[in-house]
Protein backbone atom coordinates (compact mmCIF):
# COMPACT_ATOMS: atom_id res chain seq x y z
CA UNK A 1 -59.72 115.81 127.14
CA UNK A 2 -60.21 119.17 128.88
CA UNK A 3 -62.90 121.07 126.96
CA UNK A 4 -64.31 124.39 128.12
CA UNK A 5 -66.93 124.90 125.41
CA UNK A 6 -69.48 122.53 123.98
CA UNK A 7 -68.33 119.22 122.48
CA UNK A 8 -69.78 117.14 119.65
CA UNK A 9 -68.64 113.65 118.64
CA UNK A 10 -70.19 112.05 115.54
CA UNK A 11 -69.75 108.82 113.60
CA UNK A 12 -71.65 108.25 110.36
CA UNK A 13 -70.50 104.79 109.25
CA UNK A 14 -72.30 101.55 110.15
CA UNK A 15 -70.83 99.81 113.21
CA UNK A 16 -69.09 103.05 114.11
CA UNK A 17 -68.81 103.51 117.87
CA UNK A 18 -67.86 106.44 120.08
CA UNK A 19 -65.83 105.38 123.13
CA UNK A 20 -64.53 108.06 125.50
CA UNK A 21 -63.09 106.43 128.63
CA UNK A 22 -60.35 108.69 129.91
CA UNK A 23 -60.67 110.98 132.96
CA UNK A 24 -61.87 113.91 130.88
CA UNK A 25 -63.38 117.24 131.90
CA UNK A 26 -66.18 118.75 129.83
CA UNK A 27 -67.43 122.13 131.01
CA UNK A 28 -69.92 122.60 128.18
CA UNK A 29 -72.62 120.28 126.91
CA UNK A 30 -71.49 117.05 125.27
CA UNK A 31 -73.35 115.63 122.25
CA UNK A 32 -72.78 112.09 120.95
CA UNK A 33 -74.20 110.98 117.60
CA UNK A 34 -73.94 107.64 115.80
CA UNK A 35 -75.55 106.08 112.76
CA UNK A 36 -78.93 104.37 113.03
CA UNK A 37 -79.10 100.71 113.92
CA UNK A 38 -77.81 98.27 116.48
CA UNK A 39 -74.06 98.20 117.00
CA UNK A 40 -73.62 101.94 116.66
CA UNK A 41 -72.87 102.58 120.32
CA UNK A 42 -71.78 105.63 122.33
CA UNK A 43 -69.97 105.50 125.66
CA UNK A 44 -68.65 108.33 127.82
CA UNK A 45 -67.29 107.08 131.15
CA UNK A 46 -64.84 108.22 133.85
CA UNK A 47 -65.83 111.87 133.44
CA UNK A 48 -63.94 113.85 136.07
CA UNK A 49 -66.57 116.54 136.72
CA UNK A 50 -70.31 117.10 136.38
CA UNK A 51 -71.59 116.25 132.92
CA UNK A 52 -74.16 118.11 130.81
CA UNK A 53 -75.58 115.98 127.99
CA UNK A 54 -76.36 117.89 124.83
CA UNK A 55 -78.68 116.81 122.01
CA UNK A 56 -77.67 113.29 120.98
CA UNK A 57 -78.96 110.64 118.59
CA UNK A 58 -77.58 107.13 119.06
CA UNK A 59 -78.59 104.05 117.07
CA UNK A 60 -77.13 101.56 119.53
CA UNK A 61 -76.46 101.64 123.25
CA UNK A 62 -75.68 104.78 125.25
CA UNK A 63 -73.51 104.62 128.37
CA UNK A 64 -72.80 107.63 130.59
CA UNK A 65 -70.81 107.62 133.85
CA UNK A 66 -69.06 110.21 135.99
CA UNK A 67 -66.29 109.57 138.47
CA UNK A 68 -67.25 112.83 140.18
CA UNK A 69 -70.15 115.16 139.49
CA UNK A 70 -73.82 114.98 138.66
CA UNK A 71 -75.37 114.21 135.27
CA UNK A 72 -77.87 116.59 133.65
CA UNK A 73 -79.21 117.13 130.13
CA UNK A 74 -79.68 120.36 128.20
CA UNK A 75 -80.54 118.72 124.87
CA UNK A 76 -82.93 115.99 123.77
CA UNK A 77 -81.58 112.44 123.85
CA UNK A 78 -82.89 110.06 121.17
CA UNK A 79 -81.53 106.63 122.01
CA UNK A 80 -82.56 103.45 120.20
CA UNK A 81 -80.64 100.88 122.24
CA UNK A 82 -80.35 100.44 125.99
CA UNK A 83 -79.16 103.43 128.03
CA UNK A 84 -77.32 103.59 131.34
CA UNK A 85 -76.48 106.56 133.53
CA UNK A 86 -74.25 106.23 136.61
CA UNK A 87 -72.74 108.60 139.17
CA UNK A 88 -70.07 107.03 141.36
CA UNK A 89 -69.43 109.76 143.94
CA UNK A 90 -71.77 109.96 146.93
CA UNK A 91 -74.56 112.55 146.73
CA UNK A 92 -74.19 113.32 143.02
CA UNK A 93 -77.51 113.33 141.14
CA UNK A 94 -78.92 112.23 137.81
CA UNK A 95 -81.44 114.75 136.47
CA UNK A 96 -82.82 114.19 132.96
CA UNK A 97 -85.68 116.59 132.21
CA UNK A 98 -85.71 117.09 128.46
CA UNK A 99 -88.34 115.51 126.18
CA UNK A 100 -86.12 112.50 125.64
CA UNK A 101 -86.93 109.41 123.58
CA UNK A 102 -85.59 106.11 124.91
CA UNK A 103 -86.52 103.03 122.86
CA UNK A 104 -84.44 100.58 124.90
CA UNK A 105 -84.37 100.03 128.64
CA UNK A 106 -82.98 102.86 130.78
CA UNK A 107 -80.77 101.98 133.76
CA UNK A 108 -79.76 104.50 136.42
CA UNK A 109 -77.58 104.37 139.54
CA UNK A 110 -76.52 106.88 142.20
CA UNK A 111 -74.84 106.72 145.61
CA UNK A 112 -75.25 108.54 148.92
CA UNK A 113 -78.04 109.99 151.04
CA UNK A 114 -78.75 112.79 148.56
CA UNK A 115 -77.80 110.98 145.37
CA UNK A 116 -81.17 111.45 143.70
CA UNK A 117 -82.52 110.23 140.35
CA UNK A 118 -85.07 112.18 138.33
CA UNK A 119 -86.19 111.32 134.80
CA UNK A 120 -89.10 113.54 133.72
CA UNK A 121 -90.81 114.89 130.60
CA UNK A 122 -90.00 111.70 128.66
CA UNK A 123 -91.57 111.91 125.22
CA UNK A 124 -92.47 108.25 124.69
CA UNK A 125 -93.14 105.03 126.59
CA UNK A 126 -90.38 104.30 129.10
CA UNK A 127 -88.89 100.89 129.94
CA UNK A 128 -86.89 100.98 133.18
CA UNK A 129 -83.85 98.75 133.43
CA UNK A 130 -81.86 98.31 136.63
CA UNK A 131 -82.38 101.26 138.98
CA UNK A 132 -80.40 101.83 142.18
CA UNK A 133 -80.43 104.57 144.81
CA UNK A 134 -78.65 104.13 148.14
CA UNK A 135 -79.32 105.38 151.66
CA UNK A 136 -82.18 107.87 151.23
CA UNK A 137 -81.67 108.90 147.60
CA UNK A 138 -84.99 109.64 145.90
CA UNK A 139 -86.38 108.36 142.60
CA UNK A 140 -88.76 110.30 140.33
CA UNK A 141 -89.99 108.96 136.98
CA UNK A 142 -92.47 110.73 134.69
CA UNK A 143 -93.55 110.57 131.05
CA UNK A 144 -95.24 113.31 129.04
CA UNK A 145 -96.70 110.59 126.87
CA UNK A 146 -96.36 106.82 127.02
CA UNK A 147 -96.62 104.10 129.63
CA UNK A 148 -93.98 103.16 132.22
CA UNK A 149 -92.80 99.55 132.51
CA UNK A 150 -89.80 97.81 134.03
CA UNK A 151 -87.57 95.04 132.67
CA UNK A 152 -84.95 95.32 135.43
CA UNK A 153 -84.97 95.37 139.21
CA UNK A 154 -85.36 98.64 141.09
CA UNK A 155 -83.67 99.11 144.48
CA UNK A 156 -84.96 102.42 145.77
CA UNK A 157 -83.73 103.42 149.23
CA UNK A 158 -85.59 106.72 149.54
CA UNK A 159 -89.02 107.79 148.38
CA UNK A 160 -90.14 106.97 144.84
CA UNK A 161 -92.66 108.58 142.50
CA UNK A 162 -94.06 107.49 139.16
CA UNK A 163 -96.29 109.70 137.01
CA UNK A 164 -98.04 109.42 133.66
CA UNK A 165 -99.69 112.49 132.18
CA UNK A 166 -101.73 111.12 129.24
CA UNK A 167 -105.02 109.32 129.85
CA UNK A 168 -104.88 105.69 128.76
CA UNK A 169 -101.20 105.26 129.52
CA UNK A 170 -100.34 102.72 132.23
CA UNK A 171 -97.77 102.08 134.95
CA UNK A 172 -96.79 98.39 135.12
CA UNK A 173 -93.96 97.43 137.46
CA UNK A 174 -93.61 93.66 137.77
CA UNK A 175 -89.98 92.94 138.58
CA UNK A 176 -88.79 91.75 142.01
CA UNK A 177 -87.94 95.25 143.19
CA UNK A 178 -87.23 96.68 146.65
CA UNK A 179 -88.68 99.98 147.83
CA UNK A 180 -87.61 101.23 151.26
CA UNK A 181 -89.42 104.56 151.17
CA UNK A 182 -92.97 105.52 150.28
CA UNK A 183 -94.14 105.20 146.66
CA UNK A 184 -96.30 107.93 145.11
CA UNK A 185 -98.28 107.16 141.96
CA UNK A 186 -99.89 109.77 139.71
CA UNK A 187 -102.10 108.51 136.87
CA UNK A 188 -103.63 110.75 134.23
CA UNK A 189 -107.25 109.65 134.24
CA UNK A 190 -109.73 107.23 132.72
CA UNK A 191 -108.17 104.16 131.15
CA UNK A 192 -104.87 104.56 133.00
CA UNK A 193 -104.12 101.43 134.99
CA UNK A 194 -101.48 100.99 137.70
CA UNK A 195 -99.96 97.66 138.67
CA UNK A 196 -97.05 97.06 141.06
CA UNK A 197 -96.39 93.34 141.62
CA UNK A 198 -93.62 91.02 142.83
């Protein structure tokens, strides 16, 4: 697929998936929408150029990968299942800065010295899956509301930062993770606890 404008792919039936796995080029924002509930998955992989994610609502899992180019979002992502975002070319970034809602774990991976990951303005509690940056790629995680936890291992080669903006929300990272660079923690205020163990 070679699409210059915006693209929208929608399934409405139960157990209806969206699977786009060819070396496609999307110049405009791409929205993927499935029915509510587990098993209604969306996958867009092997994208040939940078990818802009438009507003999407997915009941199952959400898998995004580019062969070349960074990943950004211009619309809100509402994902019930696990999510994964991957760039495979060195020094391409993942930048998700909309008020996204991720119910399942979110996994992210980049490559290269400037292959950075930034997930900010998240609108609910955030569960981090497997996170990988290589060389000196940086990692930035922030929620507008909701705590930050991890259920997968983080391998962060550059600096890392975690921030919560609402008092009473916590940061709890208890997987056997590896941080090469400095870790910066920003907690909102009273009642916000921070724990990094293992």
